Amino acid sequence: MVEVHEGICGAHQVGQMMRWLIIRSGYFWPKMGESCAQYAKSCLACQKHGLIQRASTREMTPIIKPWPFKGWAIDLIGKIYPPFSKQHTFIIVATDFFTKWVEAIPLKEITQKSVIEFIRDHIIYRFGILQTLMVDHRIFLNGDQVKEFLSEFGVKLVNSTPYYFQSNGQAESFNKILKNIIRKMIDENVRNWHECLYKALWAYRTSPRSSTKVTPFQLTYGLEAVLPIEINVQSIRVCLQHKLSDGEYTESLVQNLLELDELKLDVLDRLQVQKQRMTKFYNKKVIAKSFSLGELVWKTILHLDSKDPKYGKWSPNWK
């Protein structure tokens, strides 16, 4: 087994491949497969350079906010190259869990001060005090200054899983959509991406989301936004609005507000069903781990850790 696994022709194969190579060489003994598997698992080199497990070790706990603007998720896009003329290289993004409304602005650099200003000016001053804010473990999103600012307003800070940014799924999902929209809007001059940012936000806010079946604009304001196409060639609702009397217009607005409450309840039902389905699918991939006090373990060497320069590209994944 030693020769097959780590000898001159050994490639540190897994137990099943070791068994096949030994049988091919003309050797056999009872419980060979079990012996090979155990030897491969105990190989020190295989353990040090083994693949880093990306599967989550914890089951998903879905976050459902039953009313608009009570729960937000914040994430970053960047570093963006090339930057536009004002040297902005990041986009900070916030997404509301319920309405899917999105706020985003370009930034030159990401600091705790800029994050606090974004939360204050683009969330609190526009939509009121939130209850929950989900961020990842990057220091400028999760630093002491940010925590102190949020604590003043009683905001609960929720951290996504370290090194597994997909656990902040709300923000990650929008990031992909936003980048895809901007990519299609940009002309030859890619430095003009900032000019497309607010167009992309407008397009997103006025498009139905798959999870809610309605637009973020409608869930926020109770009416669908009037789009340019409805002005160039007047739509039915634009034509009818000009013919309504003051009383009819007031009655129409009241009716829209009543329907908005019903719409929010329908959206809440859809979100709950979707979260249950997503949680069930996610939890199937969870690989639970447990450790006992005093047990020897391997620690992952992640990209943010300092690796031994002596090994360079050949650094182990575990220590």
C-alpha atoms as a PDB file:
ATOM      1  CA  MET A   1       0.000   0.000   0.000  1.00  0.00           C
ATOM      2  CA  VAL A   2       2.857   2.379   0.792  1.00  0.00           C
ATOM      3  CA  GLU A   3       4.440   1.852  -2.638  1.00  0.00           C
ATOM      4  CA  VAL A   4       1.156   2.206  -4.536  1.00  0.00           C
ATOM      5  CA  HIS A   5       0.053   5.303  -2.637  1.00  0.00           C
ATOM      6  CA  GLU A   6       3.266   7.306  -2.238  1.00  0.00           C
ATOM      7  CA  GLY A   7       6.054   5.346  -3.945  1.00  0.00           C
ATOM      8  CA  ILE A   8       7.852   6.160  -7.187  1.00  0.00           C
ATOM      9  CA  CYS A   9       4.669   5.736  -9.241  1.00  0.00           C
ATOM     10  CA  GLY A  10       2.296   6.704  -6.452  1.00  0.00           C
ATOM     11  CA  ALA A  11      -0.004   9.668  -7.000  1.00  0.00           C
ATOM     12  CA  HIS A  12      -1.632   9.696  -3.546  1.00  0.00           C
ATOM     13  CA  GLN A  13      -4.764   8.063  -4.903  1.00  0.00           C
ATOM     14  CA  VAL A  14      -7.943   7.537  -2.928  1.00  0.00           C
ATOM     15  CA  GLY A  15      -8.623   4.142  -1.390  1.00  0.00           C
ATOM     16  CA  GLN A  16     -10.735   2.780  -4.245  1.00  0.00           C
ATOM     17  CA  MET A  17      -8.054   3.561  -6.825  1.00  0.00           C
ATOM     18  CA  MET A  18      -5.368   2.055  -4.554  1.00  0.00           C
ATOM     19  CA  ARG A  19      -7.367  -1.174  -4.358  1.00  0.00           C
ATOM     20  CA  TRP A  20      -7.701  -1.334  -8.158  1.00  0.00           C
ATOM     21  CA  LEU A  21      -3.944  -0.772  -8.677  1.00  0.00           C
ATOM     22  CA  ILE A  22      -2.996  -3.439  -6.135  1.00  0.00           C
ATOM     23  CA  ILE A  23      -5.352  -5.999  -7.694  1.00  0.00           C
ATOM     24  CA  ARG A  24      -3.977  -5.147 -11.141  1.00  0.00           C
ATOM     25  CA  SER A  25      -0.484  -5.873  -9.804  1.00  0.00           C
ATOM     26  CA  GLY A  26      -1.647  -9.354  -8.771  1.00  0.00           C
ATOM     27  CA  TYR A  27      -2.169  -8.953  -5.024  1.00  0.00           C
ATOM     28  CA  PHE A  28      -5.224  -9.523  -2.862  1.00  0.00           C
ATOM     29  CA  TRP A  29      -6.168  -9.982   0.798  1.00  0.00           C
ATOM     30  CA  PRO A  30      -9.428  -9.912   2.761  1.00  0.00           C
ATOM     31  CA  LYS A  31     -10.879  -6.472   3.508  1.00  0.00           C
ATOM     32  CA  MET A  32      -8.454  -4.901   1.023  1.00  0.00           C
ATOM     33  CA  GLY A  33     -10.796  -2.017   0.198  1.00  0.00           C
ATOM     34  CA  GLU A  34     -11.212  -1.104   3.853  1.00  0.00           C
ATOM     35  CA  SER A  35      -7.443  -1.198   4.418  1.00  0.00           C
ATOM     36  CA  CYS A  36      -6.737   0.992   1.383  1.00  0.00           C
ATOM     37  CA  ALA A  37      -9.383   3.532   2.356  1.00  0.00           C
ATOM     38  CA  GLN A  38      -8.038   3.754   5.890  1.00  0.00           C
ATOM     39  CA  TYR A  39      -4.448   4.182   4.673  1.00  0.00           C
ATOM     40  CA  ALA A  40      -5.407   6.946   2.218  1.00  0.00           C
ATOM     41  CA  LYS A  41      -7.329   8.818   4.923  1.00  0.00           C
ATOM     42  CA  SER A  42      -4.373   8.632   7.309  1.00  0.00           C
ATOM     43  CA  CYS A  43      -1.831   9.949   4.772  1.00  0.00           C
ATOM     44  CA  LEU A  44      -0.366  13.179   6.184  1.00  0.00           C
ATOM     45  CA  ALA A  45       0.353  14.736   2.765  1.00  0.00           C
ATOM     46  CA  CYS A  46      -3.197  14.010   1.556  1.00  0.00           C
ATOM     47  CA  GLN A  47      -4.627  15.654   4.649  1.00  0.00           C
ATOM     48  CA  LYS A  48      -2.438  18.769   4.359  1.00  0.00           C
ATOM     49  CA  HIS A  49      -3.222  19.287   0.671  1.00  0.00           C
ATOM     50  CA  GLY A  50      -6.794  18.021   0.648  1.00  0.00           C
ATOM     51  CA  LEU A  51      -9.482  20.101  -1.021  1.00  0.00           C
ATOM     52  CA  ILE A  52     -11.177  22.709   1.141  1.00  0.00           C
ATOM     53  CA  GLN A  53     -14.769  21.720   1.746  1.00  0.00           C
ATOM     54  CA  ARG A  54     -17.130  24.395   0.467  1.00  0.00           C
ATOM     55  CA  ALA A  55     -20.334  22.786   1.701  1.00  0.00           C
ATOM     56  CA  SER A  56     -21.922  24.526   4.655  1.00  0.00           C
ATOM     57  CA  THR A  57     -21.814  22.821   8.044  1.00  0.00           C
ATOM     58  CA  ARG A  58     -24.956  24.546   9.310  1.00  0.00           C
ATOM     59  CA  GLU A  59     -28.513  24.336   8.125  1.00  0.00           C
ATOM     60  CA  MET A  60     -30.104  27.444   6.665  1.00  0.00           C
ATOM     61  CA  THR A  61     -32.227  29.646   8.889  1.00  0.00           C
ATOM     62  CA  PRO A  62     -34.356  31.665   6.448  1.00  0.00           C
ATOM     63  CA  ILE A  63     -34.899  35.362   7.164  1.00  0.00           C
ATOM     64  CA  ILE A  64     -38.430  36.475   6.335  1.00  0.00           C
ATOM     65  CA  LYS A  65     -39.424  40.037   7.089  1.00  0.00           C
ATOM     66  CA  PRO A  66     -43.230  40.343   6.921  1.00  0.00           C
ATOM     67  CA  TRP A  67     -43.189  44.059   6.117  1.00  0.00           C
ATOM     68  CA  PRO A  68     -41.210  46.396   3.852  1.00  0.00           C
ATOM     69  CA  PHE A  69     -37.850  47.909   4.820  1.00  0.00           C
ATOM     70  CA  LYS A  70     -37.402  46.087   8.124  1.00  0.00           C
ATOM     71  CA  GLY A  71     -34.599  43.825   6.909  1.00  0.00           C
ATOM     72  CA  TRP A  72     -31.787  44.717   4.501  1.00  0.00           C
ATOM     73  CA  ALA A  73     -28.716  42.958   3.131  1.00  0.00           C
ATOM     74  CA  ILE A  74     -25.566  44.882   2.182  1.00  0.00           C
ATOM     75  CA  ASP A  75     -22.770  43.725  -0.106  1.00  0.00           C
ATOM     76  CA  LEU A  76     -20.051  45.112  -2.366  1.00  0.00           C
ATOM     77  CA  ILE A  77     -19.221  44.904  -6.051  1.00  0.00           C
ATOM     78  CA  GLY A  78     -15.553  45.495  -6.745  1.00  0.00           C
ATOM     79  CA  LYS A  79     -12.800  46.200  -7.098  1.00  0.00           C
ATOM     80  CA  ILE A  80     -13.977  47.365 -10.553  1.00  0.00           C
ATOM     81  CA  TYR A  81     -11.444  47.851 -13.324  1.00  0.00           C
ATOM     82  CA  PRO A  82     -11.196  50.144 -15.128  1.00  0.00           C
ATOM     83  CA  PRO A  83     -12.577  52.820 -12.761  1.00  0.00           C
ATOM     84  CA  PHE A  84     -14.593  55.681 -14.213  1.00  0.00           C
ATOM     85  CA  SER A  85     -13.261  59.242 -14.476  1.00  0.00           C
ATOM     86  CA  LYS A  86     -13.817  60.053 -10.790  1.00  0.00           C
ATOM     87  CA  GLN A  87     -11.819  56.957  -9.825  1.00  0.00           C
ATOM     88  CA  HIS A  88     -14.754  55.111  -8.295  1.00  0.00           C
ATOM     89  CA  THR A  89     -13.880  51.421  -8.140  1.00  0.00           C
ATOM     90  CA  PHE A  90     -16.601  49.977  -5.879  1.00  0.00           C
ATOM     91  CA  ILE A  91     -20.376  49.767  -5.776  1.00  0.00           C
ATOM     92  CA  ILE A  92     -22.046  49.333  -2.391  1.00  0.00           C
ATOM     93  CA  VAL A  93     -25.444  47.663  -2.641  1.00  0.00           C
ATOM     94  CA  ALA A  94     -28.356  47.289  -0.205  1.00  0.00           C
ATOM     95  CA  THR A  95     -31.410  45.093  -0.886  1.00  0.00           C
ATOM     96  CA  ASP A  96     -34.667  45.021   1.082  1.00  0.00           C
ATOM     97  CA  PHE A  97     -35.739  41.477   1.932  1.00  0.00           C
ATOM     98  CA  PHE A  98     -39.460  42.051   1.369  1.00  0.00           C
ATOM     99  CA  THR A  99     -39.941  44.453  -1.539  1.00  0.00           C
ATOM    100  CA  LYS A 100     -36.594  43.626  -3.236  1.00  0.00           C
ATOM    101  CA  TRP A 101     -36.036  47.375  -3.533  1.00  0.00           C
ATOM    102  CA  VAL A 102     -32.368  48.156  -4.124  1.00  0.00           C
ATOM    103  CA  GLU A 103     -30.154  51.108  -3.272  1.00  0.00           C
ATOM    104  CA  ALA A 104     -26.629  51.379  -4.717  1.00  0.00           C
ATOM    105  CA  ILE A 105     -23.960  54.043  -5.142  1.00  0.00           C
ATOM    106  CA  PRO A 106     -20.384  54.091  -6.539  1.00  0.00           C
ATOM    107  CA  LEU A 107     -17.492  54.727  -4.149  1.00  0.00           C
ATOM    108  CA  LYS A 108     -13.785  55.469  -4.532  1.00  0.00           C
ATOM    109  CA  GLU A 109     -12.892  53.383  -1.504  1.00  0.00           C
ATOM    110  CA  ILE A 110     -14.702  51.345   1.107  1.00  0.00           C
ATOM    111  CA  THR A 111     -14.301  52.517   4.679  1.00  0.00           C
ATOM    112  CA  GLN A 112     -16.458  52.151   7.763  1.00  0.00           C
ATOM    113  CA  LYS A 113     -17.297  55.863   7.449  1.00  0.00           C
ATOM    114  CA  SER A 114     -18.560  55.475   3.869  1.00  0.00           C
ATOM    115  CA  VAL A 115     -20.621  52.417   4.867  1.00  0.00           C
ATOM    116  CA  ILE A 116     -22.211  54.322   7.759  1.00  0.00           C
ATOM    117  CA  GLU A 117     -23.019  57.273   5.482  1.00  0.00           C
ATOM    118  CA  PHE A 118     -24.611  54.925   2.948  1.00  0.00           C
ATOM    119  CA  ILE A 119     -26.789  53.233   5.583  1.00  0.00           C
ATOM    120  CA  ARG A 120     -27.801  56.590   7.055  1.00  0.00           C
ATOM    121  CA  ASP A 121     -28.469  58.534   3.839  1.00  0.00           C
ATOM    122  CA  HIS A 122     -29.846  55.812   1.574  1.00  0.00           C
ATOM    123  CA  ILE A 123     -31.700  53.521   3.982  1.00  0.00           C
ATOM    124  CA  ILE A 124     -32.597  55.224   7.269  1.00  0.00           C
ATOM    125  CA  TYR A 125     -33.317  58.717   5.881  1.00  0.00           C
ATOM    126  CA  ARG A 126     -35.410  57.278   3.040  1.00  0.00           C
ATOM    127  CA  PHE A 127     -37.174  54.252   4.499  1.00  0.00           C
ATOM    128  CA  GLY A 128     -36.955  54.571   8.279  1.00  0.00           C
ATOM    129  CA  ILE A 129     -35.203  52.545  10.956  1.00  0.00           C
ATOM    130  CA  LEU A 130     -34.557  48.953   9.954  1.00  0.00           C
ATOM    131  CA  GLN A 131     -34.624  45.980  12.333  1.00  0.00           C
ATOM    132  CA  THR A 132     -32.041  43.674  10.746  1.00  0.00           C
ATOM    133  CA  LEU A 133     -28.979  44.220   8.570  1.00  0.00           C
ATOM    134  CA  MET A 134     -27.116  41.283   7.029  1.00  0.00           C
ATOM    135  CA  VAL A 135     -23.463  41.760   6.072  1.00  0.00           C
ATOM    136  CA  ASP A 136     -20.446  39.534   5.513  1.00  0.00           C
ATOM    137  CA  HIS A 137     -17.311  39.504   7.647  1.00  0.00           C
ATOM    138  CA  ARG A 138     -15.329  42.124   5.741  1.00  0.00           C
ATOM    139  CA  ILE A 139     -14.065  44.599   8.312  1.00  0.00           C
ATOM    140  CA  PHE A 140     -15.453  47.735   6.645  1.00  0.00           C
ATOM    141  CA  LEU A 141     -18.969  46.220   6.681  1.00  0.00           C
ATOM    142  CA  ASN A 142     -18.674  44.612  10.081  1.00  0.00           C
ATOM    143  CA  GLY A 143     -16.301  46.919  11.963  1.00  0.00           C
ATOM    144  CA  ASP A 144     -16.640  48.452  15.405  1.00  0.00           C
ATOM    145  CA  GLN A 145     -17.715  51.852  14.054  1.00  0.00           C
ATOM    146  CA  VAL A 146     -20.508  50.282  11.989  1.00  0.00           C
ATOM    147  CA  LYS A 147     -21.656  48.183  14.953  1.00  0.00           C
ATOM    148  CA  GLU A 148     -21.696  51.230  17.230  1.00  0.00           C
ATOM    149  CA  PHE A 149     -23.702  53.246  14.696  1.00  0.00           C
ATOM    150  CA  LEU A 150     -26.284  50.481  14.249  1.00  0.00           C
ATOM    151  CA  SER A 151     -26.599  49.912  17.993  1.00  0.00           C
ATOM    152  CA  GLU A 152     -27.670  53.552  18.418  1.00  0.00           C
ATOM    153  CA  PHE A 153     -30.760  52.740  16.339  1.00  0.00           C
ATOM    154  CA  GLY A 154     -31.323  49.276  17.809  1.00  0.00           C
ATOM    155  CA  VAL A 155     -30.474  47.526  14.536  1.00  0.00           C
ATOM    156  CA  LYS A 156     -29.567  43.837  14.793  1.00  0.00           C
ATOM    157  CA  LEU A 157     -26.446  42.974  12.781  1.00  0.00           C
ATOM    158  CA  VAL A 158     -26.512  39.510  11.196  1.00  0.00           C
ATOM    159  CA  ASN A 159     -23.318  38.037   9.756  1.00  0.00           C
ATOM    160  CA  SER A 160     -23.262  35.711   6.784  1.00  0.00           C
ATOM    161  CA  THR A 161     -21.002  32.655   6.927  1.00  0.00           C
ATOM    162  CA  PRO A 162     -17.266  33.531   6.837  1.00  0.00           C
ATOM    163  CA  TYR A 163     -15.593  32.793   3.467  1.00  0.00           C
ATOM    164  CA  TYR A 164     -18.966  31.671   2.100  1.00  0.00           C
ATOM    165  CA  PHE A 165     -20.392  34.916   0.788  1.00  0.00           C
ATOM    166  CA  GLN A 166     -23.225  33.089  -0.986  1.00  0.00           C
ATOM    167  CA  SER A 167     -24.911  32.753   2.401  1.00  0.00           C
ATOM    168  CA  ASN A 168     -25.763  36.444   1.959  1.00  0.00           C
ATOM    169  CA  GLY A 169     -27.937  35.274  -0.892  1.00  0.00           C
ATOM    170  CA  GLN A 170     -30.192  38.323  -1.150  1.00  0.00           C
ATOM    171  CA  ALA A 171     -27.342  40.701  -1.966  1.00  0.00           C
ATOM    172  CA  GLU A 172     -25.375  38.160  -4.003  1.00  0.00           C
ATOM    173  CA  SER A 173     -28.386  37.523  -6.235  1.00  0.00           C
ATOM    174  CA  PHE A 174     -28.816  41.207  -7.039  1.00  0.00           C
ATOM    175  CA  ASN A 175     -25.087  41.704  -7.623  1.00  0.00           C
ATOM    176  CA  LYS A 176     -25.181  39.175 -10.451  1.00  0.00           C
ATOM    177  CA  ILE A 177     -28.242  40.820 -11.999  1.00  0.00           C
ATOM    178  CA  LEU A 178     -26.826  44.346 -11.729  1.00  0.00           C
ATOM    179  CA  LYS A 179     -23.483  43.411 -13.275  1.00  0.00           C
ATOM    180  CA  ASN A 180     -25.261  41.626 -16.099  1.00  0.00           C
ATOM    181  CA  ILE A 181     -27.495  44.645 -16.837  1.00  0.00           C
ATOM    182  CA  ILE A 182     -24.587  47.122 -16.782  1.00  0.00           C
ATOM    183  CA  ARG A 183     -22.475  44.815 -18.947  1.00  0.00           C
ATOM    184  CA  LYS A 184     -25.180  44.920 -21.641  1.00  0.00           C
ATOM    185  CA  MET A 185     -25.659  48.695 -21.401  1.00  0.00           C
ATOM    186  CA  ILE A 186     -21.988  49.688 -21.669  1.00  0.00           C
ATOM    187  CA  ASP A 187     -20.710  50.845 -25.046  1.00  0.00           C
ATOM    188  CA  GLU A 188     -17.099  50.731 -26.160  1.00  0.00           C
ATOM    189  CA  ASN A 189     -15.987  53.133 -23.416  1.00  0.00           C
ATOM    190  CA  VAL A 190     -16.110  50.852 -20.384  1.00  0.00           C
ATOM    191  CA  ARG A 191     -15.151  53.739 -18.078  1.00  0.00           C
ATOM    192  CA  ASN A 192     -18.715  55.011 -18.454  1.00  0.00           C
ATOM    193  CA  TRP A 193     -20.128  52.184 -16.350  1.00  0.00           C
ATOM    194  CA  HIS A 194     -21.243  54.701 -13.695  1.00  0.00           C
ATOM    195  CA  GLU A 195     -23.611  56.302 -16.227  1.00  0.00           C
ATOM    196  CA  CYS A 196     -25.388  52.970 -16.565  1.00  0.00           C
ATOM    197  CA  LEU A 197     -25.652  52.299 -12.820  1.00  0.00           C
ATOM    198  CA  TYR A 198     -28.808  54.317 -12.145  1.00  0.00           C
ATOM    199  CA  LYS A 199     -30.399  53.191 -15.402  1.00  0.00           C
ATOM    200  CA  ALA A 200     -29.780  49.615 -14.306  1.00  0.00           C
ATOM    201  CA  LEU A 201     -31.297  50.316 -10.883  1.00  0.00           C
ATOM    202  CA  TRP A 202     -34.369  51.839 -12.517  1.00  0.00           C
ATOM    203  CA  ALA A 203     -34.745  48.842 -14.811  1.00  0.00           C
ATOM    204  CA  TYR A 204     -34.492  46.470 -11.849  1.00  0.00           C
ATOM    205  CA  ARG A 205     -36.949  48.401  -9.683  1.00  0.00           C
ATOM    206  CA  THR A 206     -39.593  48.472 -12.412  1.00  0.00           C
ATOM    207  CA  SER A 207     -39.314  44.809 -13.415  1.00  0.00           C
ATOM    208  CA  PRO A 208     -41.253  41.985 -11.699  1.00  0.00           C
ATOM    209  CA  ARG A 209     -39.108  39.806  -9.445  1.00  0.00           C
ATOM    210  CA  SER A 210     -39.487  36.055  -9.693  1.00  0.00           C
ATOM    211  CA  SER A 211     -39.879  35.653  -5.927  1.00  0.00           C
ATOM    212  CA  THR A 212     -42.679  38.219  -5.511  1.00  0.00           C
ATOM    213  CA  LYS A 213     -44.234  38.272  -9.016  1.00  0.00           C
ATOM    214  CA  VAL A 214     -44.510  42.078  -8.766  1.00  0.00           C
ATOM    215  CA  THR A 215     -42.137  45.011  -9.190  1.00  0.00           C
ATOM    216  CA  PRO A 216     -40.212  46.503  -6.256  1.00  0.00           C
ATOM    217  CA  PHE A 217     -41.624  49.903  -7.274  1.00  0.00           C
ATOM    218  CA  GLN A 218     -45.226  48.743  -6.869  1.00  0.00           C
ATOM    219  CA  LEU A 219     -44.579  47.097  -3.501  1.00  0.00           C
ATOM    220  CA  THR A 220     -42.921  50.303  -2.315  1.00  0.00           C
ATOM    221  CA  TYR A 221     -45.261  52.983  -3.643  1.00  0.00           C
ATOM    222  CA  GLY A 222     -48.504  51.119  -4.335  1.00  0.00           C
ATOM    223  CA  LEU A 223     -48.516  52.071  -8.025  1.00  0.00           C
ATOM    224  CA  GLU A 224     -46.618  50.943 -11.072  1.00  0.00           C
ATOM    225  CA  ALA A 225     -44.110  53.491 -12.356  1.00  0.00           C
ATOM    226  CA  VAL A 226     -45.003  55.356 -15.532  1.00  0.00           C
ATOM    227  CA  LEU A 227     -42.437  54.273 -18.111  1.00  0.00           C
ATOM    228  CA  PRO A 228     -41.226  56.277 -21.133  1.00  0.00           C
ATOM    229  CA  ILE A 229     -42.976  53.901 -23.511  1.00  0.00           C
ATOM    230  CA  GLU A 230     -46.330  54.884 -21.966  1.00  0.00           C
ATOM    231  CA  ILE A 231     -45.710  58.546 -22.813  1.00  0.00           C
ATOM    232  CA  ASN A 232     -44.458  58.103 -26.366  1.00  0.00           C
ATOM    233  CA  VAL A 233     -47.468  55.948 -27.173  1.00  0.00           C
ATOM    234  CA  GLN A 234     -49.952  56.659 -24.409  1.00  0.00           C
ATOM    235  CA  SER A 235     -51.074  53.580 -22.512  1.00  0.00           C
ATOM    236  CA  ILE A 236     -54.669  53.028 -21.413  1.00  0.00           C
ATOM    237  CA  ARG A 237     -54.023  54.050 -17.812  1.00  0.00           C
ATOM    238  CA  VAL A 238     -52.278  57.282 -18.859  1.00  0.00           C
ATOM    239  CA  CYS A 239     -55.201  58.188 -21.116  1.00  0.00           C
ATOM    240  CA  LEU A 240     -57.760  57.400 -18.408  1.00  0.00           C
ATOM    241  CA  GLN A 241     -55.956  59.464 -15.774  1.00  0.00           C
ATOM    242  CA  HIS A 242     -56.502  62.634 -17.792  1.00  0.00           C
ATOM    243  CA  LYS A 243     -60.245  61.956 -17.900  1.00  0.00           C
ATOM    244  CA  LEU A 244     -60.752  61.339 -14.162  1.00  0.00           C
ATOM    245  CA  SER A 245     -62.451  63.964 -12.020  1.00  0.00           C
ATOM    246  CA  ASP A 246     -60.923  64.979  -8.681  1.00  0.00           C
ATOM    247  CA  GLY A 247     -63.280  62.669  -6.807  1.00  0.00           C
ATOM    248  CA  GLU A 248     -62.635  59.727  -9.108  1.00  0.00           C
ATOM    249  CA  TYR A 249     -58.885  60.245  -8.879  1.00  0.00           C
ATOM    250  CA  THR A 250     -59.018  60.308  -5.064  1.00  0.00           C
ATOM    251  CA  GLU A 251     -61.159  57.173  -5.014  1.00  0.00           C
ATOM    252  CA  SER A 252     -58.698  55.460  -7.357  1.00  0.00           C
ATOM    253  CA  LEU A 253     -55.766  56.271  -5.067  1.00  0.00           C
ATOM    254  CA  VAL A 254     -57.613  54.955  -1.997  1.00  0.00           C
ATOM    255  CA  GLN A 255     -58.470  51.759  -3.861  1.00  0.00           C
ATOM    256  CA  ASN A 256     -54.832  51.306  -4.837  1.00  0.00           C
ATOM    257  CA  LEU A 257     -53.776  51.618  -1.187  1.00  0.00           C
ATOM    258  CA  LEU A 258     -56.337  49.008  -0.116  1.00  0.00           C
ATOM    259  CA  GLU A 259     -55.165  46.656  -2.839  1.00  0.00           C
ATOM    260  CA  LEU A 260     -51.552  47.252  -1.776  1.00  0.00           C
ATOM    261  CA  ASP A 261     -52.193  45.685   1.649  1.00  0.00           C
ATOM    262  CA  GLU A 262     -53.708  42.624  -0.012  1.00  0.00           C
ATOM    263  CA  LEU A 263     -50.787  42.495  -2.425  1.00  0.00           C
ATOM    264  CA  LYS A 264     -48.284  42.549   0.447  1.00  0.00           C
ATOM    265  CA  LEU A 265     -50.053  39.625   2.128  1.00  0.00           C
ATOM    266  CA  ASP A 266     -49.952  37.655  -1.136  1.00  0.00           C
ATOM    267  CA  VAL A 267     -46.249  38.442  -1.531  1.00  0.00           C
ATOM    268  CA  LEU A 268     -45.570  37.309   2.043  1.00  0.00           C
ATOM    269  CA  ASP A 269     -47.219  33.956   1.283  1.00  0.00           C
ATOM    270  CA  ARG A 270     -45.094  33.554  -1.861  1.00  0.00           C
ATOM    271  CA  LEU A 271     -41.896  34.429  -0.011  1.00  0.00           C
ATOM    272  CA  GLN A 272     -42.643  31.928   2.754  1.00  0.00           C
ATOM    273  CA  VAL A 273     -43.262  29.135   0.249  1.00  0.00           C
ATOM    274  CA  GLN A 274     -40.103  30.038  -1.675  1.00  0.00           C
ATOM    275  CA  LYS A 275     -37.988  30.175   1.502  1.00  0.00           C
ATOM    276  CA  GLN A 276     -39.268  26.774   2.622  1.00  0.00           C
ATOM    277  CA  ARG A 277     -38.414  25.264  -0.754  1.00  0.00           C
ATOM    278  CA  MET A 278     -34.976  26.928  -0.790  1.00  0.00           C
ATOM    279  CA  THR A 279     -34.230  25.842   2.779  1.00  0.00           C
ATOM    280  CA  LYS A 280     -35.153  22.238   2.036  1.00  0.00           C
ATOM    281  CA  PHE A 281     -32.877  22.192  -1.034  1.00  0.00           C
ATOM    282  CA  TYR A 282     -29.991  23.909   0.808  1.00  0.00           C
ATOM    283  CA  ASN A 283     -30.136  21.656   3.853  1.00  0.00           C
ATOM    284  CA  LYS A 284     -29.744  18.559   1.693  1.00  0.00           C
ATOM    285  CA  LYS A 285     -26.183  19.709   0.911  1.00  0.00           C
ATOM    286  CA  VAL A 286     -25.213  20.457   4.510  1.00  0.00           C
ATOM    287  CA  ILE A 287     -22.413  18.297   5.902  1.00  0.00           C
ATOM    288  CA  ALA A 288     -22.606  18.490   9.679  1.00  0.00           C
ATOM    289  CA  LYS A 289     -19.415  18.345  11.735  1.00  0.00           C
ATOM    290  CA  SER A 290     -18.837  17.862  15.438  1.00  0.00           C
ATOM    291  CA  PHE A 291     -15.654  17.983  17.492  1.00  0.00           C
ATOM    292  CA  SER A 292     -14.857  16.826  21.001  1.00  0.00           C
ATOM    293  CA  LEU A 293     -12.845  18.739  23.566  1.00  0.00           C
ATOM    294  CA  GLY A 294      -9.146  17.951  23.196  1.00  0.00           C
ATOM    295  CA  GLU A 295      -9.561  16.364  19.753  1.00  0.00           C
ATOM    296  CA  LEU A 296      -6.813  17.085  17.206  1.00  0.00           C
ATOM    297  CA  VAL A 297      -8.105  18.883  14.111  1.00  0.00           C
ATOM    298  CA  TRP A 298      -6.813  20.423  10.876  1.00  0.00           C
ATOM    299  CA  LYS A 299      -7.344  24.160  10.347  1.00  0.00           C
ATOM    300  CA  THR A 300      -8.037  25.536   6.888  1.00  0.00           C
ATOM    301  CA  ILE A 301      -5.480  27.951   5.427  1.00  0.00           C
ATOM    302  CA  LEU A 302      -7.723  30.363   3.533  1.00  0.00           C
ATOM    303  CA  HIS A 303      -6.703  33.043   1.064  1.00  0.00           C
ATOM    304  CA  LEU A 304      -6.890  35.752   3.717  1.00  0.00           C
ATOM    305  CA  ASP A 305      -4.444  33.908   5.966  1.00  0.00           C
ATOM    306  CA  SER A 306      -0.688  34.301   5.650  1.00  0.00           C
ATOM    307  CA  LYS A 307       0.760  31.336   3.804  1.00  0.00           C
ATOM    308  CA  ASP A 308       4.323  30.162   4.214  1.00  0.00           C
ATOM    309  CA  PRO A 309       6.317  31.991   1.480  1.00  0.00           C
ATOM    310  CA  LYS A 310       8.716  29.063   1.362  1.00  0.00           C
ATOM    311  CA  TYR A 311       6.098  26.945  -0.435  1.00  0.00           C
ATOM    312  CA  GLY A 312       4.571  29.672  -2.614  1.00  0.00           C
ATOM    313  CA  LYS A 313       2.153  28.143  -5.117  1.00  0.00           C
ATOM    314  CA  TRP A 314       2.563  24.740  -3.479  1.00  0.00           C
ATOM    315  CA  SER A 315       1.367  25.821  -0.050  1.00  0.00           C
ATOM    316  CA  PRO A 316      -0.820  23.278   1.784  1.00  0.00           C
ATOM    317  CA  ASN A 317      -4.537  23.926   2.293  1.00  0.00           C
ATOM    318  CA  TRP A 318      -4.538  22.763   5.906  1.00  0.00           C
ATOM    319  CA  LYS A 319      -2.339  23.165   8.945  1.00  0.00           C
END
